[in-house]
Structures are given as structure tokens and as C-alpha cells.
Amino acid sequence: MAVMKNLACYVSNSGNGLESYRFISANGPARLQTDIRITALALVPDPALGTRDTPHDRVS
């Protein structure tokens, strides 16, 4: 859940959206005080999900 909160803060603070092929550095481990090695996120489209139009925008 902390990762989702951090993504929301990233979008809000930077003004950047979560477009396909975006690389987002976590500037360190995604979760402190754990053995996790995730230090960044890469956003890629999932061809199995396709594209959806929503009341707020198009999601892919």
C-alpha cells in the first residue's frame, strides 16, 4: 500500500502522469527496513488488458 501512496504523491507533486514506458526511481528501496530490492518502477502496457475508456480518461 505504501507504494501506491508514493505513486500518488509522485503524480501530485511532479505533475507527471503514469504513461506507458515511464521509469520512476524510488530513490532507494521501495520499502524501508525490509530485504526488498525494488528501487524503481517501470510502467509498460499489458496487451492482454487492452485499452479502456473511463469517465476520467483512457486507461491502458
N, C-alpha and C. Protein backbone atom coordinates (compact mmCIF):
# COMPACT_ATOMS: atom_id res chain seq x y z
N MET A 1 0.81 -1.19 0.00
CA MET A 1 0.00 0.00 0.00
C MET A 1 0.86 1.26 0.00
N ALA A 2 2.02 1.21 0.61
CA ALA A 2 2.91 2.37 0.65
C ALA A 2 3.36 2.75 -0.75
N VAL A 3 3.58 1.76 -1.61
CA VAL A 3 4.00 2.06 -2.98
C VAL A 3 2.92 2.86 -3.70
N MET A 4 1.66 2.50 -3.53
CA MET A 4 0.57 3.22 -4.18
C MET A 4 0.48 4.66 -3.65
N LYS A 5 0.68 4.82 -2.35
CA LYS A 5 0.66 6.16 -1.76
C LYS A 5 1.80 7.00 -2.33
N ASN A 6 2.98 6.40 -2.45
CA ASN A 6 4.12 7.12 -3.00
C ASN A 6 3.90 7.47 -4.47
N LEU A 7 3.25 6.59 -5.23
CA LEU A 7 2.93 6.91 -6.62
C LEU A 7 1.97 8.09 -6.70
N ALA A 8 0.98 8.10 -5.84
CA ALA A 8 0.03 9.22 -5.82
C ALA A 8 0.75 10.52 -5.48
N CYS A 9 1.67 10.49 -4.54
CA CYS A 9 2.45 11.69 -4.19
C CYS A 9 3.32 12.11 -5.36
N TYR A 10 3.92 11.15 -6.06
CA TYR A 10 4.76 11.46 -7.22
C TYR A 10 3.94 12.19 -8.28
N VAL A 11 2.76 11.67 -8.60
CA VAL A 11 1.91 12.29 -9.61
C VAL A 11 1.48 13.68 -9.17
N SER A 12 1.08 13.81 -7.93
CA SER A 12 0.61 15.09 -7.40
C SER A 12 1.73 16.14 -7.37
N ASN A 13 2.89 15.74 -6.89
CA ASN A 13 4.00 16.69 -6.73
C ASN A 13 4.70 17.04 -8.04
N SER A 14 4.81 16.07 -8.95
CA SER A 14 5.57 16.30 -10.18
C SER A 14 4.70 16.81 -11.32
N GLY A 15 3.41 16.51 -11.26
CA GLY A 15 2.54 16.86 -12.37
C GLY A 15 2.63 15.87 -13.51
N ASN A 16 3.48 14.86 -13.39
CA ASN A 16 3.61 13.82 -14.41
C ASN A 16 2.52 12.78 -14.25
N GLY A 17 2.02 12.29 -15.36
CA GLY A 17 1.06 11.19 -15.30
C GLY A 17 1.79 9.86 -15.27
N LEU A 18 1.02 8.80 -15.27
CA LEU A 18 1.59 7.45 -15.28
C LEU A 18 1.44 6.85 -16.67
N GLU A 19 2.13 7.43 -17.64
CA GLU A 19 2.06 6.95 -19.01
C GLU A 19 2.89 5.69 -19.20
N SER A 20 2.57 4.97 -20.25
CA SER A 20 3.33 3.77 -20.60
C SER A 20 4.79 4.11 -20.86
N TYR A 21 5.64 3.19 -20.52
CA TYR A 21 7.09 3.27 -20.72
C TYR A 21 7.77 4.32 -19.84
N ARG A 22 7.13 4.70 -18.78
CA ARG A 22 7.75 5.63 -17.84
C ARG A 22 8.56 4.83 -16.82
N PHE A 23 9.72 5.35 -16.46
CA PHE A 23 10.59 4.77 -15.43
C PHE A 23 10.56 5.73 -14.25
N ILE A 24 10.26 5.21 -13.07
CA ILE A 24 10.17 6.04 -11.87
C ILE A 24 11.11 5.48 -10.82
N SER A 25 12.12 6.25 -10.48
CA SER A 25 13.07 5.84 -9.45
C SER A 25 12.44 6.02 -8.08
N ALA A 26 12.68 5.07 -7.19
CA ALA A 26 12.21 5.19 -5.81
C ALA A 26 13.24 5.89 -4.93
N ASN A 27 14.39 6.22 -5.50
CA ASN A 27 15.48 6.85 -4.74
C ASN A 27 15.88 6.04 -3.52
N GLY A 28 15.86 4.73 -3.67
CA GLY A 28 16.21 3.82 -2.59
C GLY A 28 15.22 2.66 -2.59
N PRO A 29 15.25 1.82 -1.57
CA PRO A 29 14.31 0.69 -1.52
C PRO A 29 12.85 1.15 -1.51
N ALA A 30 11.99 0.39 -2.15
CA ALA A 30 10.57 0.73 -2.19
C ALA A 30 9.95 0.69 -0.80
N ARG A 31 10.53 -0.08 0.08
CA ARG A 31 10.05 -0.14 1.46
C ARG A 31 11.24 -0.24 2.40
N LEU A 32 11.34 0.68 3.30
CA LEU A 32 12.47 0.70 4.22
C LEU A 32 12.37 -0.40 5.27
N GLN A 33 13.49 -0.77 5.83
CA GLN A 33 13.60 -1.75 6.90
C GLN A 33 13.06 -3.11 6.50
N THR A 34 13.25 -3.47 5.22
CA THR A 34 12.92 -4.80 4.72
C THR A 34 14.06 -5.26 3.81
N ASP A 35 13.99 -6.50 3.38
CA ASP A 35 15.00 -7.03 2.47
C ASP A 35 14.63 -6.80 1.00
N ILE A 36 13.64 -5.99 0.73
CA ILE A 36 13.18 -5.77 -0.64
C ILE A 36 14.28 -5.10 -1.46
N ARG A 37 14.41 -5.50 -2.72
CA ARG A 37 15.44 -4.94 -3.60
C ARG A 37 14.83 -4.06 -4.68
N ILE A 38 13.56 -3.83 -4.65
CA ILE A 38 12.91 -2.99 -5.66
C ILE A 38 13.29 -1.53 -5.38
N THR A 39 13.88 -0.88 -6.38
CA THR A 39 14.31 0.51 -6.22
C THR A 39 13.72 1.42 -7.29
N ALA A 40 12.89 0.87 -8.17
CA ALA A 40 12.28 1.67 -9.23
C ALA A 40 11.07 0.93 -9.79
N LEU A 41 10.26 1.66 -10.51
CA LEU A 41 9.10 1.08 -11.18
C LEU A 41 9.20 1.40 -12.66
N ALA A 42 8.82 0.45 -13.49
CA ALA A 42 8.75 0.67 -14.93
C ALA A 42 7.32 0.37 -15.35
N LEU A 43 6.70 1.31 -16.03
CA LEU A 43 5.31 1.16 -16.43
C LEU A 43 5.26 0.74 -17.90
N VAL A 44 4.67 -0.42 -18.15
CA VAL A 44 4.54 -0.93 -19.52
C VAL A 44 3.11 -1.38 -19.75
N PRO A 45 2.62 -1.27 -20.98
CA PRO A 45 1.25 -1.71 -21.25
C PRO A 45 1.14 -3.23 -21.20
N ASP A 46 -0.01 -3.72 -20.80
CA ASP A 46 -0.30 -5.15 -20.79
C ASP A 46 -1.22 -5.43 -21.97
N PRO A 47 -0.73 -6.10 -23.02
CA PRO A 47 -1.55 -6.32 -24.20
C PRO A 47 -2.80 -7.14 -23.91
N ALA A 48 -2.78 -7.95 -22.87
CA ALA A 48 -3.95 -8.76 -22.53
C ALA A 48 -5.09 -7.89 -21.99
N LEU A 49 -4.77 -6.74 -21.41
CA LEU A 49 -5.80 -5.87 -20.84
C LEU A 49 -6.36 -4.89 -21.86
N GLY A 50 -5.55 -4.53 -22.86
CA GLY A 50 -6.02 -3.59 -23.87
C GLY A 50 -6.20 -2.19 -23.31
N THR A 51 -7.06 -1.41 -23.99
CA THR A 51 -7.34 -0.03 -23.60
C THR A 51 -8.80 0.11 -23.23
N ARG A 52 -9.07 0.89 -22.20
CA ARG A 52 -10.45 1.13 -21.75
C ARG A 52 -10.69 2.63 -21.65
N ASP A 53 -11.86 3.06 -22.06
CA ASP A 53 -12.28 4.43 -21.85
C ASP A 53 -13.07 4.49 -20.56
N THR A 54 -12.73 5.44 -19.70
CA THR A 54 -13.44 5.62 -18.44
C THR A 54 -13.99 7.05 -18.40
N PRO A 55 -14.85 7.36 -17.44
CA PRO A 55 -15.35 8.72 -17.33
C PRO A 55 -14.23 9.75 -17.08
N HIS A 56 -13.07 9.28 -16.59
CA HIS A 56 -11.99 10.19 -16.22
C HIS A 56 -10.92 10.30 -17.30
N ASP A 57 -10.71 9.26 -18.08
CA ASP A 57 -9.68 9.27 -19.12
C ASP A 57 -9.58 7.89 -19.73
N ARG A 58 -8.71 7.75 -20.68
CA ARG A 58 -8.44 6.44 -21.28
C ARG A 58 -7.37 5.75 -20.46
N VAL A 59 -7.55 4.47 -20.19
CA VAL A 59 -6.63 3.69 -19.39
C VAL A 59 -6.10 2.55 -20.27
N SER A 60 -4.78 2.39 -20.24
CA SER A 60 -4.20 1.26 -20.99
C SER A 60 -3.14 0.58 -20.17
